[in-house]
Amino acid sequence: MKQGIRLLTRREAAAVVAGSVLAGFRALGQQPAMEQTPSTAANAERTSLHQEIELQAAPQRIFDLLLDAKLFAAFTGMPATIDPKPGGAFSTFGGLIEGRNIEILAAQRLVQAWRPTSWEAGVYSIVHFELKQNGAGTTLTLDHTGFPAGDFDHLDRGWHMRYWDPMKKYLASQE
């Protein structure tokens, strides 16, 4: 503590930011609010997650949804800016998530340095999307690594709530 100023702990700062984020989502009225709750005891120390999702579209279509700002905004219902090149910056969900594309292999792989803006400045995790043709659809494998301990449950639910469920709904509406 310097000169009577107490810095917030990471959890305190996250709680303040989470309240602002939730208010922003409610004001935008696009996607339902998702309150951030601490991870369960079993998941409190986990800093990576793995998900496999079956999607009813070709890998190129899924790839385009992830890297085209207009399509991303269309399926999430929230503004996005995405520079779809290696090294290109992105900002999604109206600026709540930001990062850079690290590796791009068309219709197969996308690797991003990814962070909610509520995290401490300079703290990034790695998000790895792997796309594989599966009949007429795609198996998308997500590996999200290097996020802060205590965020597992929130992020695990968030990928479904913010990405996979809206994406499935959007794809079904485009058939």
N, C-alpha and C. Protein backbone atom coordinates (compact mmCIF):
# COMPACT_ATOMS: atom_id res chain seq x y z
N MET A 1 0.85 -1.17 0.00
CA MET A 1 0.00 0.00 0.00
C MET A 1 0.90 1.23 0.00
N LYS A 2 0.65 2.13 -0.94
CA LYS A 2 1.43 3.35 -1.04
C LYS A 2 0.54 4.56 -0.77
N GLN A 3 0.99 5.42 0.08
CA GLN A 3 0.32 6.68 0.37
C GLN A 3 -1.18 6.52 0.56
N GLY A 4 -1.58 5.50 1.32
CA GLY A 4 -2.98 5.32 1.65
C GLY A 4 -3.85 4.76 0.53
N ILE A 5 -3.23 4.31 -0.56
CA ILE A 5 -4.00 3.73 -1.66
C ILE A 5 -3.83 2.22 -1.61
N ARG A 6 -4.94 1.52 -1.55
CA ARG A 6 -4.90 0.05 -1.54
C ARG A 6 -5.26 -0.45 -2.93
N LEU A 7 -4.38 -1.26 -3.50
CA LEU A 7 -4.67 -1.85 -4.79
C LEU A 7 -5.64 -3.00 -4.61
N LEU A 8 -6.54 -3.17 -5.58
CA LEU A 8 -7.48 -4.28 -5.52
C LEU A 8 -6.76 -5.59 -5.81
N THR A 9 -7.22 -6.64 -5.16
CA THR A 9 -6.72 -7.97 -5.51
C THR A 9 -7.29 -8.33 -6.87
N ARG A 10 -6.75 -9.37 -7.50
CA ARG A 10 -7.25 -9.82 -8.80
C ARG A 10 -8.74 -10.17 -8.70
N ARG A 11 -9.12 -10.87 -7.63
CA ARG A 11 -10.53 -11.25 -7.46
C ARG A 11 -11.43 -10.03 -7.28
N GLU A 12 -10.96 -9.04 -6.48
CA GLU A 12 -11.76 -7.83 -6.29
C GLU A 12 -11.92 -7.08 -7.61
N ALA A 13 -10.82 -6.96 -8.36
CA ALA A 13 -10.88 -6.27 -9.65
C ALA A 13 -11.80 -7.02 -10.61
N ALA A 14 -11.70 -8.34 -10.61
CA ALA A 14 -12.55 -9.14 -11.49
C ALA A 14 -14.02 -8.95 -11.14
N ALA A 15 -14.32 -8.86 -9.84
CA ALA A 15 -15.71 -8.67 -9.43
C ALA A 15 -16.23 -7.32 -9.90
N VAL A 16 -15.41 -6.27 -9.81
CA VAL A 16 -15.81 -4.95 -10.27
C VAL A 16 -16.04 -4.98 -11.78
N VAL A 17 -15.09 -5.56 -12.50
CA VAL A 17 -15.20 -5.62 -13.96
C VAL A 17 -16.37 -6.51 -14.35
N ALA A 18 -16.55 -7.63 -13.68
CA ALA A 18 -17.67 -8.53 -14.01
C ALA A 18 -19.00 -7.80 -13.88
N GLY A 19 -19.14 -6.97 -12.86
CA GLY A 19 -20.37 -6.20 -12.72
C GLY A 19 -20.57 -5.24 -13.88
N SER A 20 -19.49 -4.61 -14.33
CA SER A 20 -19.58 -3.70 -15.48
C SER A 20 -19.90 -4.47 -16.75
N VAL A 21 -19.27 -5.63 -16.90
CA VAL A 21 -19.50 -6.45 -18.09
C VAL A 21 -20.95 -6.91 -18.13
N LEU A 22 -21.46 -7.38 -17.00
CA LEU A 22 -22.85 -7.83 -16.96
C LEU A 22 -23.79 -6.68 -17.28
N ALA A 23 -23.51 -5.52 -16.76
CA ALA A 23 -24.35 -4.36 -17.06
C ALA A 23 -24.30 -4.05 -18.54
N GLY A 24 -23.12 -4.17 -19.15
CA GLY A 24 -22.99 -3.93 -20.58
C GLY A 24 -23.79 -4.92 -21.40
N PHE A 25 -23.74 -6.20 -21.05
CA PHE A 25 -24.51 -7.21 -21.76
C PHE A 25 -26.00 -6.93 -21.61
N ARG A 26 -26.42 -6.58 -20.41
CA ARG A 26 -27.85 -6.31 -20.19
C ARG A 26 -28.29 -5.10 -21.02
N ALA A 27 -27.44 -4.07 -21.08
CA ALA A 27 -27.78 -2.89 -21.85
C ALA A 27 -27.87 -3.21 -23.33
N LEU A 28 -26.96 -4.05 -23.83
CA LEU A 28 -26.99 -4.42 -25.23
C LEU A 28 -28.16 -5.33 -25.55
N GLY A 29 -28.58 -6.13 -24.57
CA GLY A 29 -29.74 -6.98 -24.75
C GLY A 29 -29.55 -8.09 -25.78
N GLN A 30 -28.33 -8.42 -26.12
CA GLN A 30 -28.09 -9.41 -27.16
C GLN A 30 -28.02 -10.82 -26.59
N GLN A 31 -27.00 -11.11 -25.85
CA GLN A 31 -26.85 -12.43 -25.28
C GLN A 31 -27.18 -12.35 -23.80
N PRO A 32 -27.66 -13.45 -23.22
CA PRO A 32 -28.01 -13.42 -21.80
C PRO A 32 -26.78 -13.19 -20.93
N ALA A 33 -27.01 -12.53 -19.82
CA ALA A 33 -25.93 -12.27 -18.88
C ALA A 33 -25.46 -13.58 -18.27
N MET A 34 -24.17 -13.65 -18.00
CA MET A 34 -23.59 -14.83 -17.39
C MET A 34 -22.75 -14.37 -16.21
N GLU A 35 -23.26 -14.58 -15.02
CA GLU A 35 -22.54 -14.13 -13.85
C GLU A 35 -21.31 -14.99 -13.63
N GLN A 36 -20.20 -14.33 -13.29
CA GLN A 36 -18.98 -15.06 -13.03
C GLN A 36 -18.98 -15.51 -11.58
N THR A 37 -18.92 -16.82 -11.41
CA THR A 37 -18.86 -17.38 -10.07
C THR A 37 -17.53 -18.10 -9.93
N PRO A 38 -17.01 -18.19 -8.73
CA PRO A 38 -15.75 -18.89 -8.54
C PRO A 38 -15.87 -20.35 -8.98
N SER A 39 -14.75 -20.90 -9.43
CA SER A 39 -14.73 -22.31 -9.84
C SER A 39 -15.02 -23.20 -8.65
N THR A 40 -15.57 -24.37 -8.95
CA THR A 40 -15.77 -25.36 -7.90
C THR A 40 -14.40 -25.76 -7.36
N ALA A 41 -14.37 -26.35 -6.19
CA ALA A 41 -13.10 -26.74 -5.58
C ALA A 41 -12.30 -27.65 -6.51
N ALA A 42 -12.99 -28.56 -7.19
CA ALA A 42 -12.31 -29.51 -8.09
C ALA A 42 -11.66 -28.80 -9.27
N ASN A 43 -12.18 -27.65 -9.67
CA ASN A 43 -11.66 -26.94 -10.84
C ASN A 43 -10.88 -25.68 -10.51
N ALA A 44 -10.73 -25.36 -9.24
CA ALA A 44 -10.15 -24.08 -8.83
C ALA A 44 -8.74 -23.85 -9.36
N GLU A 45 -7.96 -24.89 -9.51
CA GLU A 45 -6.57 -24.72 -9.96
C GLU A 45 -6.38 -25.01 -11.44
N ARG A 46 -7.44 -25.43 -12.12
CA ARG A 46 -7.31 -25.76 -13.55
C ARG A 46 -7.08 -24.50 -14.37
N THR A 47 -6.12 -24.57 -15.29
CA THR A 47 -5.80 -23.42 -16.14
C THR A 47 -5.90 -23.79 -17.63
N SER A 48 -6.58 -24.89 -17.92
CA SER A 48 -6.81 -25.26 -19.31
C SER A 48 -8.12 -26.03 -19.41
N LEU A 49 -8.70 -25.99 -20.61
CA LEU A 49 -9.92 -26.75 -20.85
C LEU A 49 -9.89 -27.30 -22.27
N HIS A 50 -10.65 -28.37 -22.47
CA HIS A 50 -10.73 -29.05 -23.77
C HIS A 50 -12.20 -29.32 -24.05
N GLN A 51 -12.65 -28.96 -25.24
CA GLN A 51 -14.03 -29.22 -25.64
C GLN A 51 -14.04 -29.73 -27.08
N GLU A 52 -14.97 -30.64 -27.36
CA GLU A 52 -15.20 -31.10 -28.73
C GLU A 52 -16.67 -30.86 -29.04
N ILE A 53 -16.90 -30.15 -30.15
CA ILE A 53 -18.24 -29.73 -30.52
C ILE A 53 -18.53 -30.20 -31.93
N GLU A 54 -19.72 -30.76 -32.13
CA GLU A 54 -20.16 -31.18 -33.46
C GLU A 54 -21.03 -30.06 -34.03
N LEU A 55 -20.67 -29.60 -35.21
CA LEU A 55 -21.40 -28.51 -35.86
C LEU A 55 -21.86 -28.96 -37.24
N GLN A 56 -23.05 -28.52 -37.61
CA GLN A 56 -23.65 -28.93 -38.87
C GLN A 56 -23.32 -27.95 -39.99
N ALA A 57 -22.04 -27.86 -40.31
CA ALA A 57 -21.57 -27.03 -41.41
C ALA A 57 -20.15 -27.49 -41.75
N ALA A 58 -19.72 -27.18 -42.95
CA ALA A 58 -18.38 -27.54 -43.40
C ALA A 58 -17.32 -26.75 -42.61
N PRO A 59 -16.12 -27.30 -42.50
CA PRO A 59 -15.06 -26.59 -41.76
C PRO A 59 -14.82 -25.16 -42.26
N GLN A 60 -14.89 -24.93 -43.56
CA GLN A 60 -14.66 -23.57 -44.07
C GLN A 60 -15.71 -22.61 -43.54
N ARG A 61 -16.95 -23.07 -43.42
CA ARG A 61 -18.04 -22.22 -42.90
C ARG A 61 -17.77 -21.85 -41.44
N ILE A 62 -17.35 -22.82 -40.64
CA ILE A 62 -17.05 -22.55 -39.22
C ILE A 62 -15.85 -21.61 -39.12
N PHE A 63 -14.84 -21.86 -39.91
CA PHE A 63 -13.65 -21.02 -39.96
C PHE A 63 -14.04 -19.57 -40.26
N ASP A 64 -14.92 -19.40 -41.26
CA ASP A 64 -15.37 -18.06 -41.63
C ASP A 64 -16.12 -17.39 -40.48
N LEU A 65 -16.94 -18.13 -39.75
CA LEU A 65 -17.67 -17.56 -38.61
C LEU A 65 -16.72 -17.03 -37.54
N LEU A 66 -15.59 -17.70 -37.38
CA LEU A 66 -14.63 -17.31 -36.34
C LEU A 66 -13.75 -16.14 -36.76
N LEU A 67 -13.52 -15.96 -38.08
CA LEU A 67 -12.56 -14.96 -38.53
C LEU A 67 -13.16 -13.79 -39.32
N ASP A 68 -14.40 -13.84 -39.68
CA ASP A 68 -15.04 -12.75 -40.41
C ASP A 68 -15.84 -11.92 -39.41
N ALA A 69 -15.48 -10.66 -39.26
CA ALA A 69 -16.11 -9.81 -38.23
C ALA A 69 -17.62 -9.72 -38.40
N LYS A 70 -18.10 -9.59 -39.62
CA LYS A 70 -19.55 -9.46 -39.83
C LYS A 70 -20.26 -10.76 -39.47
N LEU A 71 -19.69 -11.89 -39.85
CA LEU A 71 -20.31 -13.18 -39.51
C LEU A 71 -20.24 -13.45 -38.01
N PHE A 72 -19.10 -13.11 -37.38
CA PHE A 72 -18.96 -13.28 -35.94
C PHE A 72 -20.04 -12.47 -35.22
N ALA A 73 -20.20 -11.21 -35.64
CA ALA A 73 -21.23 -10.35 -35.02
C ALA A 73 -22.63 -10.90 -35.29
N ALA A 74 -22.83 -11.49 -36.47
CA ALA A 74 -24.15 -12.03 -36.80
C ALA A 74 -24.52 -13.21 -35.90
N PHE A 75 -23.57 -14.11 -35.63
CA PHE A 75 -23.95 -15.26 -34.81
C PHE A 75 -23.94 -14.96 -33.32
N THR A 76 -23.13 -13.99 -32.87
CA THR A 76 -23.09 -13.67 -31.44
C THR A 76 -24.08 -12.56 -31.07
N GLY A 77 -24.46 -11.73 -32.05
CA GLY A 77 -25.33 -10.61 -31.76
C GLY A 77 -24.61 -9.44 -31.12
N MET A 78 -23.25 -9.45 -31.20
CA MET A 78 -22.48 -8.38 -30.59
C MET A 78 -21.39 -7.92 -31.55
N PRO A 79 -20.99 -6.64 -31.47
CA PRO A 79 -20.00 -6.10 -32.40
C PRO A 79 -18.65 -6.81 -32.32
N ALA A 80 -17.98 -6.89 -33.50
CA ALA A 80 -16.66 -7.50 -33.57
C ALA A 80 -15.83 -6.81 -34.64
N THR A 81 -14.54 -6.70 -34.37
CA THR A 81 -13.59 -6.28 -35.40
C THR A 81 -12.51 -7.36 -35.40
N ILE A 82 -12.21 -7.88 -36.60
CA ILE A 82 -11.26 -8.98 -36.71
C ILE A 82 -10.38 -8.76 -37.93
N ASP A 83 -9.08 -8.70 -37.73
CA ASP A 83 -8.14 -8.68 -38.83
C ASP A 83 -7.76 -10.15 -39.07
N PRO A 84 -8.25 -10.76 -40.15
CA PRO A 84 -8.13 -12.22 -40.33
C PRO A 84 -6.80 -12.70 -40.88
N LYS A 85 -5.71 -12.08 -40.45
CA LYS A 85 -4.38 -12.50 -40.89
C LYS A 85 -3.55 -12.91 -39.68
N PRO A 86 -2.51 -13.73 -39.89
CA PRO A 86 -1.60 -14.02 -38.78
C PRO A 86 -1.02 -12.71 -38.24
N GLY A 87 -1.09 -12.54 -36.93
CA GLY A 87 -0.64 -11.30 -36.31
C GLY A 87 -1.73 -10.25 -36.21
N GLY A 88 -2.86 -10.49 -36.88
CA GLY A 88 -3.96 -9.54 -36.88
C GLY A 88 -4.66 -9.48 -35.53
N ALA A 89 -5.06 -8.30 -35.14
CA ALA A 89 -5.76 -8.09 -33.86
C ALA A 89 -7.25 -8.34 -34.03
N PHE A 90 -7.89 -8.71 -32.94
CA PHE A 90 -9.35 -8.85 -32.93
C PHE A 90 -9.90 -8.30 -31.63
N SER A 91 -11.14 -7.86 -31.71
CA SER A 91 -11.90 -7.40 -30.55
C SER A 91 -13.33 -7.89 -30.78
N THR A 92 -13.84 -8.70 -29.87
CA THR A 92 -15.16 -9.29 -30.05
C THR A 92 -16.05 -9.00 -28.84
N PHE A 93 -17.32 -9.31 -29.01
CA PHE A 93 -18.31 -9.09 -27.96
C PHE A 93 -18.29 -7.64 -27.49
N GLY A 94 -18.24 -6.73 -28.47
CA GLY A 94 -18.27 -5.30 -28.15
C GLY A 94 -17.06 -4.82 -27.38
N GLY A 95 -15.91 -5.50 -27.57
CA GLY A 95 -14.67 -5.10 -26.90
C GLY A 95 -14.39 -5.84 -25.61
N LEU A 96 -15.20 -6.81 -25.24
CA LEU A 96 -14.98 -7.54 -23.99
C LEU A 96 -13.89 -8.61 -24.11
N ILE A 97 -13.66 -9.09 -25.34
CA ILE A 97 -12.59 -10.06 -25.60
C ILE A 97 -11.68 -9.45 -26.66
N GLU A 98 -10.38 -9.62 -26.48
CA GLU A 98 -9.43 -9.09 -27.45
C GLU A 98 -8.24 -10.02 -27.56
N GLY A 99 -7.48 -9.82 -28.63
CA GLY A 99 -6.28 -10.63 -28.80
C GLY A 99 -5.69 -10.50 -30.19
N ARG A 100 -4.87 -11.50 -30.53
CA ARG A 100 -4.21 -11.55 -31.84
C ARG A 100 -4.27 -12.97 -32.37
N ASN A 101 -4.39 -13.05 -33.70
CA ASN A 101 -4.31 -14.34 -34.37
C ASN A 101 -2.85 -14.73 -34.47
N ILE A 102 -2.51 -15.90 -33.98
CA ILE A 102 -1.12 -16.37 -33.99
C ILE A 102 -0.87 -17.26 -35.20
N GLU A 103 -1.76 -18.20 -35.42
CA GLU A 103 -1.61 -19.14 -36.53
C GLU A 103 -2.96 -19.31 -37.21
N ILE A 104 -2.92 -19.30 -38.54
CA ILE A 104 -4.14 -19.48 -39.32
C ILE A 104 -3.84 -20.47 -40.44
N LEU A 105 -4.57 -21.56 -40.45
CA LEU A 105 -4.50 -22.54 -41.52
C LEU A 105 -5.94 -22.73 -42.00
N ALA A 106 -6.26 -22.15 -43.15
CA ALA A 106 -7.64 -22.06 -43.64
C ALA A 106 -8.41 -23.36 -43.47
N ALA A 107 -9.59 -23.24 -42.86
CA ALA A 107 -10.54 -24.33 -42.67
C ALA A 107 -10.01 -25.49 -41.84
N GLN A 108 -8.85 -25.30 -41.18
CA GLN A 108 -8.27 -26.38 -40.37
C GLN A 108 -7.91 -25.95 -38.95
N ARG A 109 -7.23 -24.80 -38.83
CA ARG A 109 -6.71 -24.43 -37.51
C ARG A 109 -6.68 -22.91 -37.37
N LEU A 110 -7.01 -22.48 -36.15
CA LEU A 110 -6.89 -21.08 -35.76
C LEU A 110 -6.34 -21.07 -34.33
N VAL A 111 -5.24 -20.37 -34.13
CA VAL A 111 -4.65 -20.23 -32.80
C VAL A 111 -4.60 -18.74 -32.49
N GLN A 112 -5.09 -18.38 -31.30
CA GLN A 112 -5.16 -16.98 -30.90
C GLN A 112 -4.58 -16.76 -29.51
N ALA A 113 -3.94 -15.61 -29.34
CA ALA A 113 -3.65 -15.08 -28.01
C ALA A 113 -4.93 -14.35 -27.63
N TRP A 114 -5.58 -14.75 -26.55
CA TRP A 114 -6.97 -14.40 -26.26
C TRP A 114 -7.09 -13.93 -24.82
N ARG A 115 -7.87 -12.86 -24.61
CA ARG A 115 -8.05 -12.37 -23.24
C ARG A 115 -9.34 -11.58 -23.10
N PRO A 116 -10.03 -11.80 -21.99
CA PRO A 116 -11.09 -10.86 -21.64
C PRO A 116 -10.40 -9.56 -21.19
N THR A 117 -10.98 -8.43 -21.49
CA THR A 117 -10.36 -7.17 -21.09
C THR A 117 -10.42 -6.96 -19.58
N SER A 118 -11.14 -7.82 -18.87
CA SER A 118 -11.19 -7.73 -17.41
C SER A 118 -9.94 -8.30 -16.75
N TRP A 119 -9.15 -9.07 -17.50
CA TRP A 119 -7.91 -9.60 -16.93
C TRP A 119 -6.89 -8.48 -16.81
N GLU A 120 -5.89 -8.70 -15.97
CA GLU A 120 -4.81 -7.73 -15.82
C GLU A 120 -4.17 -7.47 -17.17
N ALA A 121 -3.74 -6.24 -17.39
CA ALA A 121 -3.09 -5.88 -18.66
C ALA A 121 -1.93 -6.83 -18.94
N GLY A 122 -1.84 -7.27 -20.17
CA GLY A 122 -0.75 -8.14 -20.59
C GLY A 122 -0.97 -9.62 -20.33
N VAL A 123 -2.04 -10.00 -19.66
CA VAL A 123 -2.31 -11.41 -19.38
C VAL A 123 -3.14 -11.97 -20.53
N TYR A 124 -2.58 -12.97 -21.22
CA TYR A 124 -3.24 -13.62 -22.35
C TYR A 124 -3.24 -15.13 -22.12
N SER A 125 -4.24 -15.77 -22.70
CA SER A 125 -4.27 -17.23 -22.75
C SER A 125 -4.15 -17.61 -24.22
N ILE A 126 -4.05 -18.91 -24.48
CA ILE A 126 -3.98 -19.40 -25.85
C ILE A 126 -5.24 -20.20 -26.15
N VAL A 127 -5.88 -19.84 -27.25
CA VAL A 127 -7.08 -20.54 -27.71
C VAL A 127 -6.73 -21.20 -29.04
N HIS A 128 -6.96 -22.51 -29.10
CA HIS A 128 -6.61 -23.31 -30.28
C HIS A 128 -7.89 -23.98 -30.78
N PHE A 129 -8.32 -23.59 -31.98
CA PHE A 129 -9.47 -24.21 -32.63
C PHE A 129 -8.94 -25.15 -33.71
N GLU A 130 -9.35 -26.39 -33.67
CA GLU A 130 -8.97 -27.37 -34.71
C GLU A 130 -10.25 -27.85 -35.36
N LEU A 131 -10.32 -27.77 -36.69
CA LEU A 131 -11.53 -28.13 -37.43
C LEU A 131 -11.27 -29.38 -38.27
N LYS A 132 -12.16 -30.37 -38.16
CA LYS A 132 -12.03 -31.61 -38.93
C LYS A 132 -13.37 -31.92 -39.57
N GLN A 133 -13.33 -32.22 -40.86
CA GLN A 133 -14.53 -32.65 -41.58
C GLN A 133 -15.06 -33.92 -40.91
N ASN A 134 -16.38 -33.96 -40.70
CA ASN A 134 -17.02 -35.12 -40.11
C ASN A 134 -18.33 -35.34 -40.87
N GLY A 135 -18.28 -36.12 -41.93
CA GLY A 135 -19.45 -36.28 -42.79
C GLY A 135 -19.75 -34.94 -43.44
N ALA A 136 -20.99 -34.47 -43.33
CA ALA A 136 -21.36 -33.18 -43.88
C ALA A 136 -21.07 -32.04 -42.91
N GLY A 137 -20.64 -32.38 -41.71
CA GLY A 137 -20.40 -31.37 -40.69
C GLY A 137 -18.94 -31.26 -40.29
N THR A 138 -18.74 -30.70 -39.12
CA THR A 138 -17.39 -30.44 -38.61
C THR A 138 -17.31 -30.81 -37.14
N THR A 139 -16.21 -31.44 -36.77
CA THR A 139 -15.86 -31.59 -35.36
C THR A 139 -14.88 -30.48 -35.05
N LEU A 140 -15.27 -29.59 -34.14
CA LEU A 140 -14.40 -28.51 -33.71
C LEU A 140 -13.83 -28.90 -32.35
N THR A 141 -12.52 -28.90 -32.26
CA THR A 141 -11.85 -29.17 -30.99
C THR A 141 -11.26 -27.87 -30.49
N LEU A 142 -11.63 -27.51 -29.28
CA LEU A 142 -11.14 -26.29 -28.64
C LEU A 142 -10.21 -26.69 -27.50
N ASP A 143 -9.03 -26.13 -27.51
CA ASP A 143 -8.12 -26.22 -26.37
C ASP A 143 -7.81 -24.80 -25.94
N HIS A 144 -8.21 -24.47 -24.73
CA HIS A 144 -7.98 -23.13 -24.17
C HIS A 144 -7.04 -23.32 -23.00
N THR A 145 -5.83 -22.75 -23.09
CA THR A 145 -4.80 -22.99 -22.09
C THR A 145 -4.22 -21.67 -21.56
N GLY A 146 -3.68 -21.75 -20.36
CA GLY A 146 -2.95 -20.63 -19.80
C GLY A 146 -3.80 -19.53 -19.19
N PHE A 147 -5.05 -19.83 -18.85
CA PHE A 147 -5.87 -18.79 -18.21
C PHE A 147 -5.65 -18.85 -16.70
N PRO A 148 -5.99 -17.78 -16.00
CA PRO A 148 -5.76 -17.73 -14.55
C PRO A 148 -6.55 -18.81 -13.79
N ALA A 149 -5.91 -19.35 -12.76
CA ALA A 149 -6.59 -20.31 -11.89
C ALA A 149 -7.85 -19.65 -11.33
N GLY A 150 -8.90 -20.44 -11.22
CA GLY A 150 -10.17 -19.93 -10.70
C GLY A 150 -11.15 -19.55 -11.81
N ASP A 151 -10.69 -19.50 -13.06
CA ASP A 151 -11.56 -19.11 -14.18
C ASP A 151 -12.14 -20.28 -14.95
N PHE A 152 -11.78 -21.52 -14.61
CA PHE A 152 -12.18 -22.67 -15.41
C PHE A 152 -13.69 -22.77 -15.60
N ASP A 153 -14.45 -22.81 -14.52
CA ASP A 153 -15.90 -23.03 -14.64
C ASP A 153 -16.56 -21.93 -15.47
N HIS A 154 -16.16 -20.69 -15.24
CA HIS A 154 -16.74 -19.57 -15.98
C HIS A 154 -16.42 -19.70 -17.47
N LEU A 155 -15.17 -19.97 -17.81
CA LEU A 155 -14.80 -20.09 -19.22
C LEU A 155 -15.41 -21.32 -19.86
N ASP A 156 -15.43 -22.43 -19.16
CA ASP A 156 -16.00 -23.67 -19.71
C ASP A 156 -17.46 -23.44 -20.10
N ARG A 157 -18.25 -22.83 -19.23
CA ARG A 157 -19.64 -22.51 -19.53
C ARG A 157 -19.73 -21.42 -20.60
N GLY A 158 -18.84 -20.45 -20.52
CA GLY A 158 -18.87 -19.32 -21.44
C GLY A 158 -18.69 -19.72 -22.89
N TRP A 159 -17.81 -20.68 -23.17
CA TRP A 159 -17.62 -21.12 -24.55
C TRP A 159 -18.94 -21.67 -25.11
N HIS A 160 -19.65 -22.40 -24.30
CA HIS A 160 -20.94 -22.93 -24.76
C HIS A 160 -21.96 -21.81 -24.91
N MET A 161 -22.08 -20.97 -23.91
CA MET A 161 -23.10 -19.93 -23.90
C MET A 161 -22.84 -18.85 -24.95
N ARG A 162 -21.59 -18.45 -25.13
CA ARG A 162 -21.26 -17.32 -26.01
C ARG A 162 -20.86 -17.73 -27.43
N TYR A 163 -20.36 -18.97 -27.59
CA TYR A 163 -19.89 -19.40 -28.91
C TYR A 163 -20.76 -20.53 -29.47
N TRP A 164 -20.71 -21.71 -28.86
CA TRP A 164 -21.28 -22.91 -29.50
C TRP A 164 -22.79 -22.87 -29.61
N ASP A 165 -23.51 -22.50 -28.56
CA ASP A 165 -24.97 -22.46 -28.65
C ASP A 165 -25.44 -21.42 -29.67
N PRO A 166 -24.94 -20.18 -29.63
CA PRO A 166 -25.35 -19.20 -30.65
C PRO A 166 -24.93 -19.62 -32.07
N MET A 167 -23.75 -20.24 -32.19
CA MET A 167 -23.28 -20.67 -33.49
C MET A 167 -24.20 -21.75 -34.08
N LYS A 168 -24.58 -22.71 -33.25
CA LYS A 168 -25.49 -23.77 -33.70
C LYS A 168 -26.83 -23.17 -34.12
N LYS A 169 -27.34 -22.24 -33.32
CA LYS A 169 -28.61 -21.59 -33.64
C LYS A 169 -28.51 -20.82 -34.96
N TYR A 170 -27.41 -20.09 -35.13
CA TYR A 170 -27.21 -19.32 -36.35
C TYR A 170 -27.10 -20.24 -37.57
N LEU A 171 -26.34 -21.31 -37.46
CA LEU A 171 -26.19 -22.23 -38.58
C LEU A 171 -27.54 -22.87 -38.94
N ALA A 172 -28.33 -23.22 -37.95
CA ALA A 172 -29.65 -23.81 -38.21
C ALA A 172 -30.55 -22.81 -38.93
N SER A 173 -30.42 -21.53 -38.61
CA SER A 173 -31.27 -20.52 -39.23
C SER A 173 -30.85 -20.23 -40.68
N GLN A 174 -29.62 -20.64 -41.06
CA GLN A 174 -29.11 -20.39 -42.39
C GLN A 174 -29.37 -21.53 -43.36
N GLU A 175 -29.94 -22.64 -42.86
CA GLU A 175 -30.17 -23.80 -43.72
C GLU A 175 -31.29 -23.56 -44.69
